[in-house]
Amino acid sequence: MKYFLLGTIGRIFTRMPRYRLSYGDVHEFDAQGAGEVVPVLQERRKSSENEIAFMRRAAMEMCEWNGRNYYFHSREAFAGSMISHGLLECVD
């Protein structure tokens, strides 16, 4: 996380990290944590499924796409699987 000192008052503002999603097309987004990739994916796909069902289906698709294993019991586990297999990275 990067910190910026702005003004003469001495306030410190933080900037959220930027993530790059490389699944299908490349998309960058700002988020507080990697687990926020789930709502970003749901929004980009215009999915109306509940979150667990969406992660399960997305994990199956990704598994078929590159033959790797993906955990989907939580947002953080799903994002961690995506990071370890190169589909998601923190770029800033």
PDB file of N, CA and C in Angstrom:
ATOM      1  N   MET A   1       0.844  -1.155   0.000  1.00  0.00           N
ATOM      2  CA  MET A   1       0.000   0.000   0.000  1.00  0.00           C
ATOM      3  C   MET A   1       0.898   1.230   0.000  1.00  0.00           C
ATOM      4  N   LYS A   2       0.560   2.213  -0.791  1.00  0.00           N
ATOM      5  CA  LYS A   2       1.353   3.424  -0.877  1.00  0.00           C
ATOM      6  C   LYS A   2       0.734   4.525  -0.041  1.00  0.00           C
ATOM      7  N   TYR A   3       1.584   5.354   0.553  1.00  0.00           N
ATOM      8  CA  TYR A   3       1.132   6.457   1.384  1.00  0.00           C
ATOM      9  C   TYR A   3       1.566   7.770   0.750  1.00  0.00           C
ATOM     10  N   PHE A   4       0.716   8.747   0.812  1.00  0.00           N
ATOM     11  CA  PHE A   4       1.012  10.057   0.260  1.00  0.00           C
ATOM     12  C   PHE A   4       0.826  11.110   1.344  1.00  0.00           C
ATOM     13  N   LEU A   5       1.782  12.011   1.480  1.00  0.00           N
ATOM     14  CA  LEU A   5       1.674  13.108   2.416  1.00  0.00           C
ATOM     15  C   LEU A   5       1.251  14.328   1.620  1.00  0.00           C
ATOM     16  N   LEU A   6       0.073  14.851   1.930  1.00  0.00           N
ATOM     17  CA  LEU A   6      -0.472  15.958   1.160  1.00  0.00           C
ATOM     18  C   LEU A   6      -0.691  17.175   2.037  1.00  0.00           C
ATOM     19  N   GLY A   7      -0.374  18.337   1.524  1.00  0.00           N
ATOM     20  CA  GLY A   7      -0.650  19.589   2.215  1.00  0.00           C
ATOM     21  C   GLY A   7       0.320  19.859   3.348  1.00  0.00           C
ATOM     22  N   THR A   8       0.134  20.994   3.966  1.00  0.00           N
ATOM     23  CA  THR A   8       1.017  21.385   5.064  1.00  0.00           C
ATOM     24  C   THR A   8       0.474  20.947   6.414  1.00  0.00           C
ATOM     25  N   ILE A   9      -0.756  20.437   6.437  1.00  0.00           N
ATOM     26  CA  ILE A   9      -1.351  19.992   7.690  1.00  0.00           C
ATOM     27  C   ILE A   9      -0.739  18.658   8.117  1.00  0.00           C
ATOM     28  N   GLY A  10      -0.245  17.919   7.172  1.00  0.00           N
ATOM     29  CA  GLY A  10       0.393  16.647   7.486  1.00  0.00           C
ATOM     30  C   GLY A  10      -0.551  15.462   7.468  1.00  0.00           C
ATOM     31  N   ARG A  11      -1.618  15.530   6.723  1.00  0.00           N
ATOM     32  CA  ARG A  11      -2.532  14.395   6.606  1.00  0.00           C
ATOM     33  C   ARG A  11      -1.916  13.340   5.703  1.00  0.00           C
ATOM     34  N   ILE A  12      -2.113  12.101   6.073  1.00  0.00           N
ATOM     35  CA  ILE A  12      -1.617  11.002   5.248  1.00  0.00           C
ATOM     36  C   ILE A  12      -2.821  10.294   4.643  1.00  0.00           C
ATOM     37  N   PHE A  13      -2.810  10.174   3.334  1.00  0.00           N
ATOM     38  CA  PHE A  13      -3.868   9.478   2.615  1.00  0.00           C
ATOM     39  C   PHE A  13      -3.295   8.183   2.054  1.00  0.00           C
ATOM     40  N   THR A  14      -4.068   7.142   2.094  1.00  0.00           N
ATOM     41  CA  THR A  14      -3.624   5.872   1.525  1.00  0.00           C
ATOM     42  C   THR A  14      -4.324   5.650   0.193  1.00  0.00           C
ATOM     43  N   ARG A  15      -3.689   4.913  -0.650  1.00  0.00           N
ATOM     44  CA  ARG A  15      -4.239   4.587  -1.953  1.00  0.00           C
ATOM     45  C   ARG A  15      -4.443   3.081  -2.032  1.00  0.00           C
ATOM     46  N   MET A  16      -5.585   2.667  -2.512  1.00  0.00           N
ATOM     47  CA  MET A  16      -5.868   1.236  -2.617  1.00  0.00           C
ATOM     48  C   MET A  16      -4.978   0.613  -3.682  1.00  0.00           C
ATOM     49  N   PRO A  17      -4.603  -0.643  -3.480  1.00  0.00           N
ATOM     50  CA  PRO A  17      -3.807  -1.324  -4.500  1.00  0.00           C
ATOM     51  C   PRO A  17      -4.606  -1.546  -5.778  1.00  0.00           C
ATOM     52  N   ARG A  18      -3.904  -1.632  -6.872  1.00  0.00           N
ATOM     53  CA  ARG A  18      -4.513  -1.889  -8.179  1.00  0.00           C
ATOM     54  C   ARG A  18      -4.225  -3.342  -8.547  1.00  0.00           C
ATOM     55  N   TYR A  19      -5.254  -4.015  -9.008  1.00  0.00           N
ATOM     56  CA  TYR A  19      -5.133  -5.418  -9.418  1.00  0.00           C
ATOM     57  C   TYR A  19      -5.376  -5.543 -10.910  1.00  0.00           C
ATOM     58  N   ARG A  20      -4.701  -6.513 -11.517  1.00  0.00           N
ATOM     59  CA  ARG A  20      -4.892  -6.802 -12.942  1.00  0.00           C
ATOM     60  C   ARG A  20      -5.465  -8.209 -13.072  1.00  0.00           C
ATOM     61  N   LEU A  21      -6.640  -8.287 -13.677  1.00  0.00           N
ATOM     62  CA  LEU A  21      -7.322  -9.548 -13.933  1.00  0.00           C
ATOM     63  C   LEU A  21      -7.041  -9.938 -15.373  1.00  0.00           C
ATOM     64  N   SER A  22      -6.424 -11.085 -15.578  1.00  0.00           N
ATOM     65  CA  SER A  22      -6.081 -11.558 -16.925  1.00  0.00           C
ATOM     66  C   SER A  22      -6.828 -12.855 -17.207  1.00  0.00           C
ATOM     67  N   TYR A  23      -8.109 -12.750 -17.353  1.00  0.00           N
ATOM     68  CA  TYR A  23      -8.949 -13.904 -17.655  1.00  0.00           C
ATOM     69  C   TYR A  23      -9.898 -13.470 -18.758  1.00  0.00           C
ATOM     70  N   GLY A  24      -9.690 -14.016 -19.951  1.00  0.00           N
ATOM     71  CA  GLY A  24     -10.416 -13.522 -21.127  1.00  0.00           C
ATOM     72  C   GLY A  24      -9.700 -12.288 -21.633  1.00  0.00           C
ATOM     73  N   ASP A  25     -10.160 -11.133 -21.221  1.00  0.00           N
ATOM     74  CA  ASP A  25      -9.453  -9.893 -21.551  1.00  0.00           C
ATOM     75  C   ASP A  25      -8.776  -9.383 -20.275  1.00  0.00           C
ATOM     76  N   VAL A  26      -7.956  -8.372 -20.414  1.00  0.00           N
ATOM     77  CA  VAL A  26      -7.237  -7.814 -19.270  1.00  0.00           C
ATOM     78  C   VAL A  26      -8.023  -6.635 -18.721  1.00  0.00           C
ATOM     79  N   HIS A  27      -8.231  -6.635 -17.418  1.00  0.00           N
ATOM     80  CA  HIS A  27      -9.003  -5.572 -16.762  1.00  0.00           C
ATOM     81  C   HIS A  27      -8.291  -5.200 -15.470  1.00  0.00           C
ATOM     82  N   GLU A  28      -8.102  -3.917 -15.227  1.00  0.00           N
ATOM     83  CA  GLU A  28      -7.491  -3.452 -13.992  1.00  0.00           C
ATOM     84  C   GLU A  28      -8.545  -2.771 -13.129  1.00  0.00           C
ATOM     85  N   PHE A  29      -8.431  -2.958 -11.818  1.00  0.00           N
ATOM     86  CA  PHE A  29      -9.378  -2.353 -10.888  1.00  0.00           C
ATOM     87  C   PHE A  29      -8.677  -2.085  -9.562  1.00  0.00           C
ATOM     88  N   ASP A  30      -9.202  -1.114  -8.822  1.00  0.00           N
ATOM     89  CA  ASP A  30      -8.692  -0.786  -7.493  1.00  0.00           C
ATOM     90  C   ASP A  30      -9.557  -1.488  -6.459  1.00  0.00           C
ATOM     91  N   ALA A  31      -8.914  -2.056  -5.433  1.00  0.00           N
ATOM     92  CA  ALA A  31      -9.659  -2.768  -4.405  1.00  0.00           C
ATOM     93  C   ALA A  31      -8.867  -2.777  -3.106  1.00  0.00           C
ATOM     94  N   GLN A  32      -9.583  -2.963  -2.007  1.00  0.00           N
ATOM     95  CA  GLN A  32      -8.917  -3.039  -0.708  1.00  0.00           C
ATOM     96  C   GLN A  32      -8.200  -4.363  -0.520  1.00  0.00           C
ATOM     97  N   GLY A  33      -8.664  -5.401  -1.186  1.00  0.00           N
ATOM     98  CA  GLY A  33      -8.039  -6.712  -1.090  1.00  0.00           C
ATOM     99  C   GLY A  33      -8.315  -7.527  -2.332  1.00  0.00           C
ATOM    100  N   ALA A  34      -7.551  -8.589  -2.516  1.00  0.00           N
ATOM    101  CA  ALA A  34      -7.685  -9.413  -3.719  1.00  0.00           C
ATOM    102  C   ALA A  34      -9.050 -10.091  -3.810  1.00  0.00           C
ATOM    103  N   GLY A  35      -9.692 -10.365  -2.671  1.00  0.00           N
ATOM    104  CA  GLY A  35     -10.997 -11.019  -2.670  1.00  0.00           C
ATOM    105  C   GLY A  35     -12.087 -10.226  -3.359  1.00  0.00           C
ATOM    106  N   GLU A  36     -11.846  -8.946  -3.563  1.00  0.00           N
ATOM    107  CA  GLU A  36     -12.845  -8.123  -4.245  1.00  0.00           C
ATOM    108  C   GLU A  36     -12.907  -8.394  -5.743  1.00  0.00           C
ATOM    109  N   VAL A  37     -12.095  -9.333  -6.210  1.00  0.00           N
ATOM    110  CA  VAL A  37     -12.181  -9.722  -7.615  1.00  0.00           C
ATOM    111  C   VAL A  37     -13.531 -10.389  -7.905  1.00  0.00           C
ATOM    112  N   VAL A  38     -14.137 -11.006  -6.898  1.00  0.00           N
ATOM    113  CA  VAL A  38     -15.405 -11.722  -7.114  1.00  0.00           C
ATOM    114  C   VAL A  38     -16.512 -10.775  -7.564  1.00  0.00           C
ATOM    115  N   PRO A  39     -16.799  -9.671  -6.837  1.00  0.00           N
ATOM    116  CA  PRO A  39     -17.836  -8.769  -7.334  1.00  0.00           C
ATOM    117  C   PRO A  39     -17.478  -8.120  -8.668  1.00  0.00           C
ATOM    118  N   VAL A  40     -16.176  -7.908  -8.910  1.00  0.00           N
ATOM    119  CA  VAL A  40     -15.758  -7.331 -10.193  1.00  0.00           C
ATOM    120  C   VAL A  40     -16.083  -8.304 -11.320  1.00  0.00           C
ATOM    121  N   LEU A  41     -15.760  -9.587 -11.121  1.00  0.00           N
ATOM    122  CA  LEU A  41     -16.082 -10.600 -12.137  1.00  0.00           C
ATOM    123  C   LEU A  41     -17.590 -10.722 -12.329  1.00  0.00           C
ATOM    124  N   GLN A  42     -18.344 -10.712 -11.224  1.00  0.00           N
ATOM    125  CA  GLN A  42     -19.801 -10.818 -11.336  1.00  0.00           C
ATOM    126  C   GLN A  42     -20.377  -9.648 -12.125  1.00  0.00           C
ATOM    127  N   GLU A  43     -19.872  -8.462 -11.871  1.00  0.00           N
ATOM    128  CA  GLU A  43     -20.365  -7.282 -12.578  1.00  0.00           C
ATOM    129  C   GLU A  43     -20.008  -7.332 -14.060  1.00  0.00           C
ATOM    130  N   ARG A  44     -18.784  -7.747 -14.362  1.00  0.00           N
ATOM    131  CA  ARG A  44     -18.365  -7.808 -15.772  1.00  0.00           C
ATOM    132  C   ARG A  44     -19.144  -8.864 -16.548  1.00  0.00           C
ATOM    133  N   ARG A  45     -19.548  -9.918 -15.884  1.00  0.00           N
ATOM    134  CA  ARG A  45     -20.316 -10.985 -16.547  1.00  0.00           C
ATOM    135  C   ARG A  45     -21.814 -10.797 -16.415  1.00  0.00           C
ATOM    136  N   LYS A  46     -22.232  -9.770 -15.673  1.00  0.00           N
ATOM    137  CA  LYS A  46     -23.651  -9.492 -15.438  1.00  0.00           C
ATOM    138  C   LYS A  46     -24.368 -10.719 -14.891  1.00  0.00           C
ATOM    139  N   SER A  47     -23.750 -11.328 -13.876  1.00  0.00           N
ATOM    140  CA  SER A  47     -24.284 -12.534 -13.270  1.00  0.00           C
ATOM    141  C   SER A  47     -25.285 -12.196 -12.164  1.00  0.00           C
ATOM    142  N   SER A  48     -26.371 -12.946 -12.112  1.00  0.00           N
ATOM    143  CA  SER A  48     -27.358 -12.752 -11.056  1.00  0.00           C
ATOM    144  C   SER A  48     -27.310 -13.889 -10.037  1.00  0.00           C
ATOM    145  N   GLU A  49     -26.329 -14.784 -10.160  1.00  0.00           N
ATOM    146  CA  GLU A  49     -26.178 -15.892  -9.219  1.00  0.00           C
ATOM    147  C   GLU A  49     -25.725 -15.378  -7.859  1.00  0.00           C
ATOM    148  N   ASN A  50     -25.967 -16.166  -6.812  1.00  0.00           N
ATOM    149  CA  ASN A  50     -25.396 -15.786  -5.521  1.00  0.00           C
ATOM    150  C   ASN A  50     -23.877 -15.999  -5.597  1.00  0.00           C
ATOM    151  N   GLU A  51     -23.178 -15.427  -4.650  1.00  0.00           N
ATOM    152  CA  GLU A  51     -21.721 -15.382  -4.727  1.00  0.00           C
ATOM    153  C   GLU A  51     -21.067 -16.767  -4.730  1.00  0.00           C
ATOM    154  N   ILE A  52     -21.522 -17.669  -3.884  1.00  0.00           N
ATOM    155  CA  ILE A  52     -20.921 -19.007  -3.806  1.00  0.00           C
ATOM    156  C   ILE A  52     -21.143 -19.770  -5.112  1.00  0.00           C
ATOM    157  N   ALA A  53     -22.359 -19.726  -5.647  1.00  0.00           N
ATOM    158  CA  ALA A  53     -22.649 -20.406  -6.912  1.00  0.00           C
ATOM    159  C   ALA A  53     -21.819 -19.804  -8.037  1.00  0.00           C
ATOM    160  N   PHE A  54     -21.660 -18.484  -8.031  1.00  0.00           N
ATOM    161  CA  PHE A  54     -20.856 -17.835  -9.062  1.00  0.00           C
ATOM    162  C   PHE A  54     -19.397 -18.284  -8.976  1.00  0.00           C
ATOM    163  N   MET A  55     -18.838 -18.284  -7.744  1.00  0.00           N
ATOM    164  CA  MET A  55     -17.428 -18.692  -7.599  1.00  0.00           C
ATOM    165  C   MET A  55     -17.236 -20.147  -8.017  1.00  0.00           C
ATOM    166  N   ARG A  56     -18.192 -20.997  -7.696  1.00  0.00           N
ATOM    167  CA  ARG A  56     -18.103 -22.415  -8.077  1.00  0.00           C
ATOM    168  C   ARG A  56     -18.075 -22.560  -9.595  1.00  0.00           C
ATOM    169  N   ARG A  57     -18.990 -21.865 -10.261  1.00  0.00           N
ATOM    170  CA  ARG A  57     -19.038 -21.954 -11.727  1.00  0.00           C
ATOM    171  C   ARG A  57     -17.780 -21.365 -12.355  1.00  0.00           C
ATOM    172  N   ALA A  58     -17.338 -20.225 -11.839  1.00  0.00           N
ATOM    173  CA  ALA A  58     -16.124 -19.597 -12.368  1.00  0.00           C
ATOM    174  C   ALA A  58     -14.903 -20.485 -12.135  1.00  0.00           C
ATOM    175  N   ALA A  59     -14.826 -21.152 -10.975  1.00  0.00           N
ATOM    176  CA  ALA A  59     -13.713 -22.061 -10.692  1.00  0.00           C
ATOM    177  C   ALA A  59     -13.701 -23.231 -11.670  1.00  0.00           C
ATOM    178  N   MET A  60     -14.884 -23.755 -11.987  1.00  0.00           N
ATOM    179  CA  MET A  60     -14.959 -24.846 -12.971  1.00  0.00           C
ATOM    180  C   MET A  60     -14.500 -24.373 -14.344  1.00  0.00           C
ATOM    181  N   GLU A  61     -14.937 -23.178 -14.751  1.00  0.00           N
ATOM    182  CA  GLU A  61     -14.528 -22.644 -16.051  1.00  0.00           C
ATOM    183  C   GLU A  61     -13.019 -22.441 -16.112  1.00  0.00           C
ATOM    184  N   MET A  62     -12.448 -21.883 -15.047  1.00  0.00           N
ATOM    185  CA  MET A  62     -11.006 -21.636 -15.024  1.00  0.00           C
ATOM    186  C   MET A  62     -10.226 -22.941 -15.018  1.00  0.00           C
ATOM    187  N   CYS A  63     -10.755 -23.942 -14.321  1.00  0.00           N
ATOM    188  CA  CYS A  63     -10.122 -25.258 -14.294  1.00  0.00           C
ATOM    189  C   CYS A  63     -10.105 -25.877 -15.695  1.00  0.00           C
ATOM    190  N   GLU A  64     -11.214 -25.761 -16.414  1.00  0.00           N
ATOM    191  CA  GLU A  64     -11.264 -26.265 -17.787  1.00  0.00           C
ATOM    192  C   GLU A  64     -10.354 -25.455 -18.704  1.00  0.00           C
ATOM    193  N   TRP A  65     -10.212 -24.156 -18.417  1.00  0.00           N
ATOM    194  CA  TRP A  65      -9.438 -23.268 -19.273  1.00  0.00           C
ATOM    195  C   TRP A  65      -7.947 -23.551 -19.182  1.00  0.00           C
ATOM    196  N   ASN A  66      -7.417 -23.770 -17.956  1.00  0.00           N
ATOM    197  CA  ASN A  66      -5.973 -23.984 -17.860  1.00  0.00           C
ATOM    198  C   ASN A  66      -5.574 -25.238 -17.081  1.00  0.00           C
ATOM    199  N   GLY A  67      -6.540 -26.057 -16.659  1.00  0.00           N
ATOM    200  CA  GLY A  67      -6.231 -27.327 -16.027  1.00  0.00           C
ATOM    201  C   GLY A  67      -5.693 -27.242 -14.604  1.00  0.00           C
ATOM    202  N   ARG A  68      -5.858 -26.135 -13.946  1.00  0.00           N
ATOM    203  CA  ARG A  68      -5.372 -25.965 -12.572  1.00  0.00           C
ATOM    204  C   ARG A  68      -6.538 -26.091 -11.590  1.00  0.00           C
ATOM    205  N   ASN A  69      -6.208 -26.232 -10.317  1.00  0.00           N
ATOM    206  CA  ASN A  69      -7.228 -26.335  -9.264  1.00  0.00           C
ATOM    207  C   ASN A  69      -7.509 -24.967  -8.665  1.00  0.00           C
ATOM    208  N   TYR A  70      -8.779 -24.690  -8.406  1.00  0.00           N
ATOM    209  CA  TYR A  70      -9.200 -23.414  -7.820  1.00  0.00           C
ATOM    210  C   TYR A  70     -10.080 -23.680  -6.609  1.00  0.00           C
ATOM    211  N   TYR A  71      -9.776 -23.008  -5.511  1.00  0.00           N
ATOM    212  CA  TYR A  71     -10.589 -23.098  -4.294  1.00  0.00           C
ATOM    213  C   TYR A  71     -11.645 -22.001  -4.337  1.00  0.00           C
ATOM    214  N   PHE A  72     -12.847 -22.310  -3.893  1.00  0.00           N
ATOM    215  CA  PHE A  72     -13.920 -21.316  -3.988  1.00  0.00           C
ATOM    216  C   PHE A  72     -14.773 -21.258  -2.725  1.00  0.00           C
ATOM    217  N   HIS A  73     -14.243 -21.692  -1.582  1.00  0.00           N
ATOM    218  CA  HIS A  73     -15.023 -21.659  -0.341  1.00  0.00           C
ATOM    219  C   HIS A  73     -15.094 -20.262   0.272  1.00  0.00           C
ATOM    220  N   SER A  74     -14.241 -19.339  -0.191  1.00  0.00           N
ATOM    221  CA  SER A  74     -14.311 -17.948   0.254  1.00  0.00           C
ATOM    222  C   SER A  74     -13.726 -17.060  -0.835  1.00  0.00           C
ATOM    223  N   ARG A  75     -14.016 -15.778  -0.754  1.00  0.00           N
ATOM    224  CA  ARG A  75     -13.460 -14.825  -1.721  1.00  0.00           C
ATOM    225  C   ARG A  75     -11.935 -14.865  -1.711  1.00  0.00           C
ATOM    226  N   GLU A  76     -11.358 -14.895  -0.499  1.00  0.00           N
ATOM    227  CA  GLU A  76      -9.906 -14.854  -0.363  1.00  0.00           C
ATOM    228  C   GLU A  76      -9.253 -16.108  -0.936  1.00  0.00           C
ATOM    229  N   ALA A  77      -9.873 -17.267  -0.712  1.00  0.00           N
ATOM    230  CA  ALA A  77      -9.336 -18.512  -1.256  1.00  0.00           C
ATOM    231  C   ALA A  77      -9.397 -18.507  -2.781  1.00  0.00           C
ATOM    232  N   PHE A  78     -10.508 -18.033  -3.324  1.00  0.00           N
ATOM    233  CA  PHE A  78     -10.667 -17.969  -4.777  1.00  0.00           C
ATOM    234  C   PHE A  78      -9.633 -17.025  -5.392  1.00  0.00           C
ATOM    235  N   ALA A  79      -9.486 -15.841  -4.797  1.00  0.00           N
ATOM    236  CA  ALA A  79      -8.500 -14.878  -5.298  1.00  0.00           C
ATOM    237  C   ALA A  79      -7.090 -15.425  -5.146  1.00  0.00           C
ATOM    238  N   GLY A  80      -6.812 -16.112  -4.041  1.00  0.00           N
ATOM    239  CA  GLY A  80      -5.488 -16.707  -3.840  1.00  0.00           C
ATOM    240  C   GLY A  80      -5.164 -17.739  -4.901  1.00  0.00           C
ATOM    241  N   SER A  81      -6.143 -18.547  -5.278  1.00  0.00           N
ATOM    242  CA  SER A  81      -5.948 -19.519  -6.353  1.00  0.00           C
ATOM    243  C   SER A  81      -5.671 -18.812  -7.674  1.00  0.00           C
ATOM    244  N   MET A  82      -6.417 -17.733  -7.922  1.00  0.00           N
ATOM    245  CA  MET A  82      -6.215 -16.990  -9.168  1.00  0.00           C
ATOM    246  C   MET A  82      -4.821 -16.360  -9.202  1.00  0.00           C
ATOM    247  N   ILE A  83      -4.364 -15.848  -8.068  1.00  0.00           N
ATOM    248  CA  ILE A  83      -3.020 -15.240  -7.998  1.00  0.00           C
ATOM    249  C   ILE A  83      -1.959 -16.307  -8.234  1.00  0.00           C
ATOM    250  N   SER A  84      -2.090 -17.461  -7.580  1.00  0.00           N
ATOM    251  CA  SER A  84      -1.066 -18.489  -7.722  1.00  0.00           C
ATOM    252  C   SER A  84      -1.000 -19.088  -9.124  1.00  0.00           C
ATOM    253  N   HIS A  85      -2.078 -18.963  -9.888  1.00  0.00           N
ATOM    254  CA  HIS A  85      -2.090 -19.497 -11.249  1.00  0.00           C
ATOM    255  C   HIS A  85      -1.948 -18.396 -12.319  1.00  0.00           C
ATOM    256  N   GLY A  86      -1.675 -17.168 -11.892  1.00  0.00           N
ATOM    257  CA  GLY A  86      -1.351 -16.099 -12.834  1.00  0.00           C
ATOM    258  C   GLY A  86      -2.530 -15.372 -13.457  1.00  0.00           C
ATOM    259  N   LEU A  87      -3.737 -15.578 -12.955  1.00  0.00           N
ATOM    260  CA  LEU A  87      -4.883 -14.886 -13.534  1.00  0.00           C
ATOM    261  C   LEU A  87      -5.143 -13.539 -12.877  1.00  0.00           C
ATOM    262  N   LEU A  88      -4.599 -13.346 -11.685  1.00  0.00           N
ATOM    263  CA  LEU A  88      -4.799 -12.110 -10.944  1.00  0.00           C
ATOM    264  C   LEU A  88      -3.462 -11.706 -10.349  1.00  0.00           C
ATOM    265  N   GLU A  89      -3.139 -10.422 -10.454  1.00  0.00           N
ATOM    266  CA  GLU A  89      -1.905  -9.926  -9.849  1.00  0.00           C
ATOM    267  C   GLU A  89      -2.086  -8.526  -9.320  1.00  0.00           C
ATOM    268  N   CYS A  90      -1.334  -8.209  -8.290  1.00  0.00           N
ATOM    269  CA  CYS A  90      -1.333  -6.869  -7.737  1.00  0.00           C
ATOM    270  C   CYS A  90      -0.250  -6.083  -8.472  1.00  0.00           C
ATOM    271  N   VAL A  91      -0.652  -5.037  -9.176  1.00  0.00           N
ATOM    272  CA  VAL A  91       0.305  -4.296 -10.004  1.00  0.00           C
ATOM    273  C   VAL A  91       0.780  -2.998  -9.372  1.00  0.00           C
ATOM    274  N   ASP A  92       0.125  -2.567  -8.307  1.00  0.00           N
ATOM    275  CA  ASP A  92       0.535  -1.309  -7.689  1.00  0.00           C
ATOM    276  C   ASP A  92       0.259  -1.314  -6.204  1.00  0.00           C
TER     277      ASP A  92
END
